Amino acid sequence: MRPIVLLFFALGVGACSGSHEPAHDRTTGTAPAMVQHKIILDVPSLLTLSIDGLNQKIGPHRPVPAGFVDPILVPLAKQNEQLDSTLLFRHKGLALVASYDYRTRRVSNLLLLGSDEDKLMAEANLSLNSERYLVLPVFEANHISNIMGVRVIATQVSQ
């Protein structure tokens, strides 16, 4: 009886091993492949710089295009609040708008422009769980379901 049990056991293991099934390419699946994005700009290291330091680190600034509207500034402008100055920077395909105090030259926040949050986060070396800064999605003022980019705000003020 023992040889029969061993025979059934051996047949059962063979039946479950998948050896009778056609070979499948295990590298392709139905889930989309995870895209790896290369870090283009270390944005956390830029948060402590002045606007002049940004110019030195990532290159010459450009004026913000005519018609550009930062949604956070719309309510402030309506209340006649003092608005930060803004400049546009481009670095290897990454566009960011720096808001800064013209008098002190201190940068208050950086707005990375783009519609793919994950790509922006990866290319800018950002993390959602950092204690040094906050990352907030920014939506278009006139189309609140469309993402405009992500805003990065330092939480630790440097001296």
C-alpha atoms as a PDB file:
ATOM      1  CA  MET A   1       0.000   0.000   0.000  1.00  0.00           C
ATOM      2  CA  ARG A   2       2.895   2.298   0.689  1.00  0.00           C
ATOM      3  CA  PRO A   3       4.154   2.278  -2.961  1.00  0.00           C
ATOM      4  CA  ILE A   4       0.647   3.228  -4.175  1.00  0.00           C
ATOM      5  CA  VAL A   5       0.474   6.206  -1.759  1.00  0.00           C
ATOM      6  CA  LEU A   6       3.901   7.368  -2.939  1.00  0.00           C
ATOM      7  CA  LEU A   7       2.813   7.019  -6.557  1.00  0.00           C
ATOM      8  CA  PHE A   8      -0.333   9.111  -5.992  1.00  0.00           C
ATOM      9  CA  PHE A   9       1.662  11.668  -4.042  1.00  0.00           C
ATOM     10  CA  ALA A  10       4.242  11.926  -6.838  1.00  0.00           C
ATOM     11  CA  LEU A  11       1.511  12.285  -9.466  1.00  0.00           C
ATOM     12  CA  GLY A  12      -0.255  14.926  -7.361  1.00  0.00           C
ATOM     13  CA  VAL A  13       2.883  17.008  -6.986  1.00  0.00           C
ATOM     14  CA  GLY A  14       3.552  16.751 -10.684  1.00  0.00           C
ATOM     15  CA  ALA A  15       0.023  17.862 -11.476  1.00  0.00           C
ATOM     16  CA  CYS A  16       0.350  20.977  -9.306  1.00  0.00           C
ATOM     17  CA  SER A  17       3.799  22.021 -10.422  1.00  0.00           C
ATOM     18  CA  GLY A  18       2.637  23.718 -13.593  1.00  0.00           C
ATOM     19  CA  SER A  19       4.964  21.521 -15.662  1.00  0.00           C
ATOM     20  CA  HIS A  20       2.099  20.517 -17.910  1.00  0.00           C
ATOM     21  CA  GLU A  21       1.198  24.150 -18.652  1.00  0.00           C
ATOM     22  CA  PRO A  22       2.769  26.156 -21.454  1.00  0.00           C
ATOM     23  CA  ALA A  23       5.638  28.402 -20.445  1.00  0.00           C
ATOM     24  CA  HIS A  24       4.671  32.011 -19.769  1.00  0.00           C
ATOM     25  CA  ASP A  25       6.883  35.021 -19.946  1.00  0.00           C
ATOM     26  CA  ARG A  26       6.767  36.169 -16.334  1.00  0.00           C
ATOM     27  CA  THR A  27       8.185  39.622 -17.149  1.00  0.00           C
ATOM     28  CA  THR A  28       5.011  40.742 -18.871  1.00  0.00           C
ATOM     29  CA  GLY A  29       1.815  41.091 -16.975  1.00  0.00           C
ATOM     30  CA  THR A  30      -1.477  42.865 -17.136  1.00  0.00           C
ATOM     31  CA  ALA A  31      -0.513  45.553 -14.605  1.00  0.00           C
ATOM     32  CA  PRO A  32       1.179  48.639 -16.049  1.00  0.00           C
ATOM     33  CA  ALA A  33       4.915  48.701 -15.603  1.00  0.00           C
ATOM     34  CA  MET A  34       6.274  51.057 -12.964  1.00  0.00           C
ATOM     35  CA  VAL A  35       8.041  53.917 -14.686  1.00  0.00           C
ATOM     36  CA  GLN A  36      11.304  55.013 -13.146  1.00  0.00           C
ATOM     37  CA  HIS A  37      11.957  58.749 -13.342  1.00  0.00           C
ATOM     38  CA  LYS A  38      15.440  60.157 -13.026  1.00  0.00           C
ATOM     39  CA  ILE A  39      16.046  62.971 -10.535  1.00  0.00           C
ATOM     40  CA  ILE A  40      16.450  66.151 -12.576  1.00  0.00           C
ATOM     41  CA  LEU A  41      16.609  68.719  -9.803  1.00  0.00           C
ATOM     42  CA  ASP A  42      17.012  68.330  -6.033  1.00  0.00           C
ATOM     43  CA  VAL A  43      14.240  70.748  -5.051  1.00  0.00           C
ATOM     44  CA  PRO A  44      14.568  70.208  -1.264  1.00  0.00           C
ATOM     45  CA  SER A  45      18.100  71.629  -1.456  1.00  0.00           C
ATOM     46  CA  LEU A  46      16.726  74.739  -3.196  1.00  0.00           C
ATOM     47  CA  LEU A  47      14.261  75.647  -0.451  1.00  0.00           C
ATOM     48  CA  THR A  48      16.902  77.356   1.686  1.00  0.00           C
ATOM     49  CA  LEU A  49      18.264  79.513  -1.142  1.00  0.00           C
ATOM     50  CA  SER A  50      17.450  83.136  -1.869  1.00  0.00           C
ATOM     51  CA  ILE A  51      16.152  84.091  -5.299  1.00  0.00           C
ATOM     52  CA  ASP A  52      19.718  85.060  -6.204  1.00  0.00           C
ATOM     53  CA  GLY A  53      20.925  81.662  -5.018  1.00  0.00           C
ATOM     54  CA  LEU A  54      18.345  79.990  -7.271  1.00  0.00           C
ATOM     55  CA  ASN A  55      19.712  82.004 -10.196  1.00  0.00           C
ATOM     56  CA  GLN A  56      23.208  80.723  -9.447  1.00  0.00           C
ATOM     57  CA  LYS A  57      22.153  77.122  -8.836  1.00  0.00           C
ATOM     58  CA  ILE A  58      19.739  76.450 -11.708  1.00  0.00           C
ATOM     59  CA  GLY A  59      20.503  79.175 -14.189  1.00  0.00           C
ATOM     60  CA  PRO A  60      19.005  82.408 -15.339  1.00  0.00           C
ATOM     61  CA  HIS A  61      15.402  83.159 -14.536  1.00  0.00           C
ATOM     62  CA  ARG A  62      12.734  84.173 -16.992  1.00  0.00           C
ATOM     63  CA  PRO A  63       9.691  86.317 -16.491  1.00  0.00           C
ATOM     64  CA  VAL A  64       6.514  84.445 -15.751  1.00  0.00           C
ATOM     65  CA  PRO A  65       4.531  84.200 -19.017  1.00  0.00           C
ATOM     66  CA  ALA A  66       1.763  86.732 -19.568  1.00  0.00           C
ATOM     67  CA  GLY A  67      -1.538  85.249 -18.491  1.00  0.00           C
ATOM     68  CA  PHE A  68       0.016  82.881 -15.952  1.00  0.00           C
ATOM     69  CA  VAL A  69      -2.179  82.741 -12.863  1.00  0.00           C
ATOM     70  CA  ASP A  70      -1.039  81.134  -9.623  1.00  0.00           C
ATOM     71  CA  PRO A  71      -4.338  80.090  -7.988  1.00  0.00           C
ATOM     72  CA  ILE A  72      -3.091  81.002  -4.518  1.00  0.00           C
ATOM     73  CA  LEU A  73      -2.561  84.608  -5.589  1.00  0.00           C
ATOM     74  CA  VAL A  74      -6.068  85.186  -6.979  1.00  0.00           C
ATOM     75  CA  PRO A  75      -7.808  85.724  -3.604  1.00  0.00           C
ATOM     76  CA  LEU A  76      -4.877  87.777  -2.303  1.00  0.00           C
ATOM     77  CA  ALA A  77      -4.970  90.073  -5.320  1.00  0.00           C
ATOM     78  CA  LYS A  78      -8.710  90.606  -4.849  1.00  0.00           C
ATOM     79  CA  GLN A  79      -8.054  91.717  -1.245  1.00  0.00           C
ATOM     80  CA  ASN A  80      -5.246  94.072  -2.322  1.00  0.00           C
ATOM     81  CA  GLU A  81      -2.693  92.064  -0.302  1.00  0.00           C
ATOM     82  CA  GLN A  82       1.008  92.519  -0.956  1.00  0.00           C
ATOM     83  CA  LEU A  83       1.949  89.772  -3.398  1.00  0.00           C
ATOM     84  CA  ASP A  84       5.272  87.996  -3.638  1.00  0.00           C
ATOM     85  CA  SER A  85       7.338  88.518  -6.748  1.00  0.00           C
ATOM     86  CA  THR A  86       7.567  85.524  -9.056  1.00  0.00           C
ATOM     87  CA  LEU A  87      10.127  84.268 -11.535  1.00  0.00           C
ATOM     88  CA  LEU A  88      10.140  81.254 -13.826  1.00  0.00           C
ATOM     89  CA  PHE A  89      13.059  78.844 -13.986  1.00  0.00           C
ATOM     90  CA  ARG A  90      13.577  75.984 -16.433  1.00  0.00           C
ATOM     91  CA  HIS A  91      16.037  73.180 -15.853  1.00  0.00           C
ATOM     92  CA  LYS A  92      16.323  70.131 -18.118  1.00  0.00           C
ATOM     93  CA  GLY A  93      12.626  70.135 -18.976  1.00  0.00           C
ATOM     94  CA  LEU A  94      11.432  70.915 -15.459  1.00  0.00           C
ATOM     95  CA  ALA A  95       9.673  74.270 -15.020  1.00  0.00           C
ATOM     96  CA  LEU A  96       9.268  75.933 -11.648  1.00  0.00           C
ATOM     97  CA  VAL A  97       7.902  79.235 -10.484  1.00  0.00           C
ATOM     98  CA  ALA A  98       9.624  80.726  -7.465  1.00  0.00           C
ATOM     99  CA  SER A  99       7.667  83.132  -5.265  1.00  0.00           C
ATOM    100  CA  TYR A 100       9.870  85.462  -3.234  1.00  0.00           C
ATOM    101  CA  ASP A 101       9.891  88.688  -1.257  1.00  0.00           C
ATOM    102  CA  TYR A 102      11.505  91.334  -3.457  1.00  0.00           C
ATOM    103  CA  ARG A 103      12.908  93.271  -0.484  1.00  0.00           C
ATOM    104  CA  THR A 104      14.456  90.359   1.437  1.00  0.00           C
ATOM    105  CA  ARG A 105      15.046  88.127  -1.645  1.00  0.00           C
ATOM    106  CA  ARG A 106      13.763  85.182   0.413  1.00  0.00           C
ATOM    107  CA  VAL A 107      11.911  82.416  -1.472  1.00  0.00           C
ATOM    108  CA  SER A 108       8.550  81.549   0.088  1.00  0.00           C
ATOM    109  CA  ASN A 109       7.617  78.571  -2.107  1.00  0.00           C
ATOM    110  CA  LEU A 110       8.343  76.768  -5.345  1.00  0.00           C
ATOM    111  CA  LEU A 111       5.634  75.704  -7.776  1.00  0.00           C
ATOM    112  CA  LEU A 112       6.648  72.838 -10.073  1.00  0.00           C
ATOM    113  CA  LEU A 113       4.545  72.933 -13.214  1.00  0.00           C
ATOM    114  CA  GLY A 114       3.151  69.778 -14.797  1.00  0.00           C
ATOM    115  CA  SER A 115       0.135  67.496 -14.807  1.00  0.00           C
ATOM    116  CA  ASP A 116       1.804  64.268 -13.605  1.00  0.00           C
ATOM    117  CA  GLU A 117       2.284  64.496  -9.824  1.00  0.00           C
ATOM    118  CA  ASP A 118       4.253  61.261  -9.548  1.00  0.00           C
ATOM    119  CA  LYS A 119       6.649  62.307 -12.283  1.00  0.00           C
ATOM    120  CA  LEU A 120       7.139  65.758 -10.741  1.00  0.00           C
ATOM    121  CA  MET A 121       7.754  64.256  -7.302  1.00  0.00           C
ATOM    122  CA  ALA A 122      10.340  61.811  -8.647  1.00  0.00           C
ATOM    123  CA  GLU A 123      12.158  64.260 -10.916  1.00  0.00           C
ATOM    124  CA  ALA A 124      12.306  66.875  -8.147  1.00  0.00           C
ATOM    125  CA  ASN A 125      13.457  64.389  -5.473  1.00  0.00           C
ATOM    126  CA  LEU A 126      10.397  65.091  -3.304  1.00  0.00           C
ATOM    127  CA  SER A 127       8.757  62.938  -0.642  1.00  0.00           C
ATOM    128  CA  LEU A 128       5.325  63.325   0.899  1.00  0.00           C
ATOM    129  CA  ASN A 129       6.568  62.432   4.373  1.00  0.00           C
ATOM    130  CA  SER A 130       9.398  64.924   4.752  1.00  0.00           C
ATOM    131  CA  GLU A 131       9.544  67.041   7.886  1.00  0.00           C
ATOM    132  CA  ARG A 132      11.497  69.763   6.046  1.00  0.00           C
ATOM    133  CA  TYR A 133       8.800  70.730   3.544  1.00  0.00           C
ATOM    134  CA  LEU A 134       5.185  70.265   2.461  1.00  0.00           C
ATOM    135  CA  VAL A 135       4.113  69.173  -0.996  1.00  0.00           C
ATOM    136  CA  LEU A 136       0.650  70.318  -2.056  1.00  0.00           C
ATOM    137  CA  PRO A 137      -1.192  69.745  -5.323  1.00  0.00           C
ATOM    138  CA  VAL A 138      -2.131  72.900  -7.210  1.00  0.00           C
ATOM    139  CA  PHE A 139      -5.168  72.932  -9.454  1.00  0.00           C
ATOM    140  CA  GLU A 140      -5.896  75.307 -12.324  1.00  0.00           C
ATOM    141  CA  ALA A 141      -7.950  78.309 -11.221  1.00  0.00           C
ATOM    142  CA  ASN A 142     -10.515  77.984 -14.026  1.00  0.00           C
ATOM    143  CA  HIS A 143     -10.528  74.162 -14.239  1.00  0.00           C
ATOM    144  CA  ILE A 144     -10.329  72.890 -10.682  1.00  0.00           C
ATOM    145  CA  SER A 145     -10.229  69.258 -11.775  1.00  0.00           C
ATOM    146  CA  ASN A 146      -7.018  69.816 -13.772  1.00  0.00           C
ATOM    147  CA  ILE A 147      -3.727  69.700 -11.912  1.00  0.00           C
ATOM    148  CA  MET A 148      -1.330  72.526 -12.645  1.00  0.00           C
ATOM    149  CA  GLY A 149       1.580  71.215 -10.595  1.00  0.00           C
ATOM    150  CA  VAL A 150       2.813  70.798  -7.037  1.00  0.00           C
ATOM    151  CA  ARG A 151       3.760  73.500  -4.566  1.00  0.00           C
ATOM    152  CA  VAL A 152       6.703  72.941  -2.234  1.00  0.00           C
ATOM    153  CA  ILE A 153       6.811  74.974   0.973  1.00  0.00           C
ATOM    154  CA  ALA A 154       9.629  74.792   3.511  1.00  0.00           C
ATOM    155  CA  THR A 155       8.431  73.956   7.027  1.00  0.00           C
ATOM    156  CA  GLN A 156      11.757  74.672   8.708  1.00  0.00           C
ATOM    157  CA  VAL A 157      12.920  78.237   8.301  1.00  0.00           C
ATOM    158  CA  SER A 158      16.663  78.586   7.872  1.00  0.00           C
ATOM    159  CA  GLN A 159      18.498  81.417   9.570  1.00  0.00           C
END
